[in-house]
Protein backbone atom coordinates (compact mmCIF):
# COMPACT_ATOMS: atom_id res chain seq x y z
CA UNK A 1 -3.37 -1.58 -1.61
CA UNK A 2 -4.69 -4.08 0.93
CA UNK A 3 -4.68 -3.02 4.56
CA UNK A 4 -2.96 -6.32 5.29
CA UNK A 5 0.15 -4.86 3.64
CA UNK A 6 0.10 -1.66 5.69
CA UNK A 7 2.06 -1.47 8.99
CA UNK A 8 -0.33 -1.05 11.93
CA UNK A 9 0.60 2.57 12.78
CA UNK A 10 0.11 3.69 9.20
CA UNK A 11 -3.43 2.34 9.21
CA UNK A 12 -4.16 5.60 11.04
CA UNK A 13 -3.06 7.39 7.89
CA UNK A 14 -4.19 5.01 5.18
CA UNK A 15 -7.81 4.22 6.06
CA UNK A 16 -8.86 6.13 2.97
CA UNK A 17 -6.68 4.71 0.21
CA UNK A 18 -8.21 7.14 -2.28
CA UNK A 19 -6.43 9.97 -0.48
CA UNK A 20 -3.08 8.68 -1.75
CA UNK A 21 -4.41 7.72 -5.17
CA UNK A 22 -6.18 10.97 -6.02
CA UNK A 23 -3.88 13.61 -4.49
CA UNK A 24 -0.64 14.12 -2.65
CA UNK A 25 -1.23 13.43 1.04
CA UNK A 26 0.47 16.16 3.09
CA UNK A 27 1.74 15.07 6.52
CA UNK A 28 3.10 17.83 8.77
CA UNK A 29 5.17 17.04 11.87
CA UNK A 30 5.25 19.41 14.84
CA UNK A 31 6.41 19.32 18.44
CA UNK A 32 9.70 18.01 19.84
CA UNK A 33 11.62 14.90 20.70
CA UNK A 34 12.17 13.18 17.36
CA UNK A 35 10.44 14.92 14.43
CA UNK A 36 13.27 14.37 11.93
CA UNK A 37 13.72 10.71 12.88
CA UNK A 38 9.95 10.24 12.60
CA UNK A 39 9.85 11.93 9.21
CA UNK A 40 12.46 9.60 7.71
CA UNK A 41 10.98 6.52 9.38
CA UNK A 42 7.67 7.42 7.71
CA UNK A 43 9.46 8.05 4.42
CA UNK A 44 10.96 4.56 4.42
CA UNK A 45 7.65 2.96 5.42
CA UNK A 46 5.83 4.65 2.55
CA UNK A 47 8.60 3.69 0.13
CA UNK A 48 8.22 0.05 1.22
CA UNK A 49 4.50 0.38 0.48
CA UNK A 50 5.32 1.47 -3.08
CA UNK A 51 4.52 5.14 -2.54
CA UNK A 52 6.48 8.05 -4.00
CA UNK A 53 7.71 10.45 -1.31
CA UNK A 54 8.91 14.04 -1.12
CA UNK A 55 10.43 15.16 2.20
CA UNK A 56 10.90 18.81 3.09
CA UNK A 57 10.48 21.41 5.83
CA UNK A 58 8.91 24.80 6.47
CA UNK A 59 11.68 25.62 8.98
CA UNK A 60 15.14 24.05 9.15
CA UNK A 61 16.22 20.45 9.61
CA UNK A 62 19.19 18.12 9.35
CA UNK A 63 20.02 16.48 6.04
CA UNK A 64 18.43 13.10 5.36
CA UNK A 65 20.20 9.77 5.28
CA UNK A 66 22.52 9.10 2.37
CA UNK A 67 20.06 6.84 0.55
CA UNK A 68 17.58 9.68 -0.02
CA UNK A 69 18.77 12.13 -2.72
CA UNK A 70 18.66 15.85 -1.95
CA UNK A 71 17.36 18.54 -4.30
CA UNK A 72 18.08 22.24 -3.63
CA UNK A 73 15.92 24.74 -5.46
CA UNK A 74 14.20 28.10 -5.10
CA UNK A 75 10.65 27.19 -6.12
CA UNK A 76 9.90 23.45 -6.10
CA UNK A 77 6.37 23.90 -7.44
CA UNK A 78 7.85 25.33 -10.65
CA UNK A 79 10.25 22.47 -11.41
CA UNK A 80 9.53 19.82 -14.04
CA UNK A 81 8.24 16.49 -12.78
CA UNK A 82 11.50 14.81 -13.84
CA UNK A 83 13.30 16.74 -11.08
CA UNK A 84 11.60 14.55 -8.48
CA UNK A 85 13.01 11.04 -8.89
CA UNK A 86 11.23 7.95 -7.61
CA UNK A 87 10.86 6.60 -5.05
CA UNK A 88 11.91 9.51 -2.85
CA UNK A 89 13.64 12.87 -2.81
CA UNK A 90 14.30 15.46 -0.11
CA UNK A 91 13.73 18.98 -1.38
CA UNK A 92 15.01 22.16 0.28
CA UNK A 93 15.60 25.83 -0.46
CA UNK A 94 19.23 25.95 0.65
CA UNK A 95 21.98 24.92 3.03
CA UNK A 96 22.95 26.84 6.18
CA UNK A 97 26.56 25.87 6.99
CA UNK A 98 26.55 27.74 10.31
CA UNK A 99 24.10 25.36 11.98
CA UNK A 100 24.51 22.40 9.63
CA UNK A 101 20.88 22.38 8.52
CA UNK A 102 18.89 22.87 5.35
CA UNK A 103 16.26 25.56 4.91
CA UNK A 104 12.78 24.83 3.69
CA UNK A 105 9.84 26.55 2.05
CA UNK A 106 6.88 28.62 3.15
CA UNK A 107 3.54 26.90 3.83
CA UNK A 108 2.00 28.38 0.63
CA UNK A 109 4.90 26.93 -1.40
CA UNK A 110 4.25 23.53 0.20
CA UNK A 111 0.57 23.76 -0.75
CA UNK A 112 1.50 24.70 -4.32
CA UNK A 113 3.89 21.75 -4.56
CA UNK A 114 1.26 19.33 -3.23
CA UNK A 115 -1.29 20.48 -5.81
CA UNK A 116 1.00 19.27 -8.61
CA UNK A 117 0.66 15.65 -7.38
CA UNK A 118 4.29 14.79 -8.12
CA UNK A 119 4.32 12.25 -5.27
CA UNK A 120 1.90 10.21 -3.20
CA UNK A 121 3.13 11.62 0.11
CA UNK A 122 4.64 14.97 1.06
CA UNK A 123 6.32 14.80 4.48
CA UNK A 124 6.95 18.19 6.09
CA UNK A 125 8.87 19.03 9.25
CA UNK A 126 6.92 22.10 10.35
CA UNK A 127 8.42 23.01 13.71
CA UNK A 128 11.67 23.39 15.62
CA UNK A 129 12.57 22.48 19.21
CA UNK A 130 16.37 22.86 19.62
CA UNK A 131 16.75 19.27 20.79
CA UNK A 132 14.30 19.46 23.72
CA UNK A 133 11.86 16.58 24.35
CA UNK A 134 8.88 18.95 24.68
CA UNK A 135 7.95 22.46 23.62
CA UNK A 136 5.26 25.10 23.42
CA UNK A 137 4.92 26.98 20.11
CA UNK A 138 5.86 30.64 19.90
CA UNK A 139 3.74 33.23 18.10
CA UNK A 140 5.26 32.38 14.70
CA UNK A 141 5.14 28.61 15.24
CA UNK A 142 4.45 26.08 13.91
CA UNK A 143 4.58 26.68 10.15
CA UNK A 144 1.91 24.28 8.92
CA UNK A 145 0.72 24.12 5.31
CA UNK A 146 -3.02 24.70 5.25
CA UNK A 147 -3.46 21.79 2.86
CA UNK A 148 -2.14 19.32 5.44
CA UNK A 149 -4.17 16.12 5.62
CA UNK A 150 -2.46 14.94 8.83
CA UNK A 151 -0.66 16.71 11.66
CA UNK A 152 1.56 14.47 13.79
CA UNK A 153 2.57 16.06 17.11
CA UNK A 154 5.74 14.48 18.50
CA UNK A 155 6.65 14.44 22.19
CA UNK A 156 9.66 12.90 23.92
CA UNK A 157 8.18 10.31 26.25
CA UNK A 158 11.10 10.62 28.65
CA UNK A 159 9.51 13.89 29.85
CA UNK A 160 6.39 12.15 31.13
CA UNK A 161 5.96 12.07 34.93
CA UNK A 162 9.17 14.06 35.29
CA UNK A 163 9.73 17.51 36.85
CA UNK A 164 9.32 20.17 34.20
CA UNK A 165 11.18 23.41 33.63
CA UNK A 166 13.51 25.28 31.27
CA UNK A 167 15.92 22.34 31.34
CA UNK A 168 13.62 20.04 29.35
CA UNK A 169 10.88 22.21 27.82
CA UNK A 170 11.55 24.56 24.91
CA UNK A 171 9.79 27.90 25.51
CA UNK A 172 9.06 27.00 29.10
CA UNK A 173 7.20 30.25 30.04
CA UNK A 174 4.65 29.62 27.28
CA UNK A 175 4.28 25.98 28.25
CA UNK A 176 3.82 26.91 31.91
CA UNK A 177 1.14 29.47 31.06
CA UNK A 178 -0.81 26.97 28.95
CA UNK A 179 -0.59 23.96 31.27
CA UNK A 180 -0.61 25.71 34.65
CA UNK A 181 2.52 23.82 35.67
CA UNK A 182 5.13 25.52 37.81
CA UNK A 183 8.80 24.72 37.64
CA UNK A 184 9.56 21.24 39.01
CA UNK A 185 5.91 20.15 38.77
CA UNK A 186 5.52 16.77 37.09
CA UNK A 187 3.96 16.45 33.65
CA UNK A 188 0.77 14.48 34.24
CA UNK A 189 -2.36 13.56 32.29
CA UNK A 190 -4.27 16.66 33.42
CA UNK A 191 -1.52 19.00 32.19
CA UNK A 192 -1.30 17.12 28.91
CA UNK A 193 -5.06 17.44 28.40
CA UNK A 194 -4.82 21.21 28.84
CA UNK A 195 -1.91 21.40 26.43
CA UNK A 196 -3.57 19.27 23.75
CA UNK A 197 -6.87 21.15 23.93
CA UNK A 198 -5.46 24.68 24.15
CA UNK A 199 -5.68 26.69 20.89
CA UNK A 200 -2.02 27.67 21.33
CA UNK A 201 -0.92 24.24 22.48
CA UNK A 202 0.10 20.96 20.88
CA UNK A 203 -1.95 21.29 17.67
CA UNK A 204 -1.77 25.04 17.24
CA UNK A 205 -2.55 26.10 13.64
CA UNK A 206 -3.51 22.58 12.61
CA UNK A 207 -5.99 22.96 9.71
CA UNK A 208 -9.56 21.94 10.63
CA UNK A 209 -9.63 19.13 8.05
CA UNK A 210 -6.37 17.55 9.25
CA UNK A 211 -6.39 14.31 11.21
CA UNK A 212 -4.54 14.70 14.52
CA UNK A 213 -2.04 12.07 15.65
CA UNK A 214 0.01 12.28 18.84
CA UNK A 215 3.31 10.38 18.78
CA UNK A 216 4.90 9.73 22.18
CA UNK A 217 8.45 8.89 21.14
CA UNK A 218 11.01 7.02 23.26
CA UNK A 219 8.22 5.53 25.34
CA UNK A 220 7.19 1.95 24.55
CA UNK A 221 5.19 1.16 27.71
CA UNK A 222 1.60 2.34 27.82
CA UNK A 223 1.54 1.57 31.55
CA UNK A 224 3.66 4.68 32.14
CA UNK A 225 0.51 6.73 31.60
CA UNK A 226 -1.59 5.01 34.27
CA UNK A 227 -4.45 4.32 31.89
CA UNK A 228 -4.97 7.99 31.03
CA UNK A 229 -4.33 7.80 27.30
CA UNK A 230 -7.76 6.44 26.25
CA UNK A 231 -9.33 9.36 28.12
CA UNK A 232 -7.11 11.84 26.27
CA UNK A 233 -7.96 10.18 22.98
CA UNK A 234 -11.68 10.50 23.67
CA UNK A 235 -11.70 14.01 25.15
CA UNK A 236 -9.07 15.84 23.12
CA UNK A 237 -10.23 15.40 19.53
CA UNK A 238 -7.34 13.10 18.64
CA UNK A 239 -7.63 10.55 15.86
CA UNK A 240 -4.79 8.33 17.08
CA UNK A 241 -2.01 8.03 19.65
CA UNK A 242 1.22 6.20 18.84
CA UNK A 243 3.78 5.03 21.40
CA UNK A 244 7.23 3.75 20.59
CA UNK A 245 10.78 4.72 19.72
CA UNK A 246 11.20 5.48 16.03
CA UNK A 247 14.93 4.68 16.05
CA UNK A 248 14.34 1.21 17.46
CA UNK A 249 12.57 -1.91 16.22
CA UNK A 250 9.68 -2.10 16.21
CA UNK A 251 9.42 1.70 15.98
CA UNK A 252 5.82 1.78 17.22
CA UNK A 253 4.69 -0.66 19.91
CA UNK A 254 1.16 0.59 20.69
CA UNK A 255 -1.50 2.30 18.61
CA UNK A 256 -4.65 3.77 20.13
CA UNK A 257 -7.40 4.62 17.68
CA UNK A 258 -10.50 6.59 18.60
CA UNK A 259 -13.25 4.18 19.73
CA UNK A 260 -11.07 1.18 18.95
CA UNK A 261 -9.02 0.75 22.12
CA UNK A 262 -5.40 -0.42 22.02
CA UNK A 263 -3.81 -2.20 19.04
CA UNK A 264 -0.47 -3.93 19.60
CA UNK A 265 1.51 -5.40 16.68
CA UNK A 266 4.79 -7.06 17.69
CA UNK A 267 5.60 -7.74 14.03
CA UNK A 268 6.32 -4.08 13.24
């Protein structure tokens, strides 16, 4: 597929077209502030590109939109290929009526499913945040498949330059310990750098081979970061930073790629 046919944000994922042709590309989403919306935006983008998609989770998540069929099963890696209809299916272990969410599979089960190459892309929600725009992972979090090719860390941009505390950060004591912020301190570039670089921070448990993408959701203005994002991109081992609002159009307004500056595509 020509890169001219690929939306600008997904160029961060599709530089190596052989990845999608030779294996199932596993994309794990962690963090807070829009993971589920991001997952299904990505699903629709890949479908438009002619890719086959499986969406799932290693935790719990809300059901997908009506136009994506849902498959409930115990062991997806043991099902026949015909159980995964084109172009997309959402696959889960079961339904939890108490919280209105579906349950997913363990990271090893995700890896086993990916090895069967039943789809081009396997999108995995690998974290939970209870509706907060930002979070720090607990000891058992996130639940990332070790075969992940990409880890996308989502953050609610409305938290930037705002006082922080238990009211807007999930697992605030852990976040405070990692960033050094005290309650009502503002979230600034320095604190973000500490959180991104910390082994128990934003990309905790991301496999070494995985490309790291930071999505700042509900924030379409790069000026809000006072020019600090290129520094974070260069100093924090990130492969790309996306800014936008995945429920709006265009969903992504700015893309920063390592050593390539800022890319803006108003046609998204």
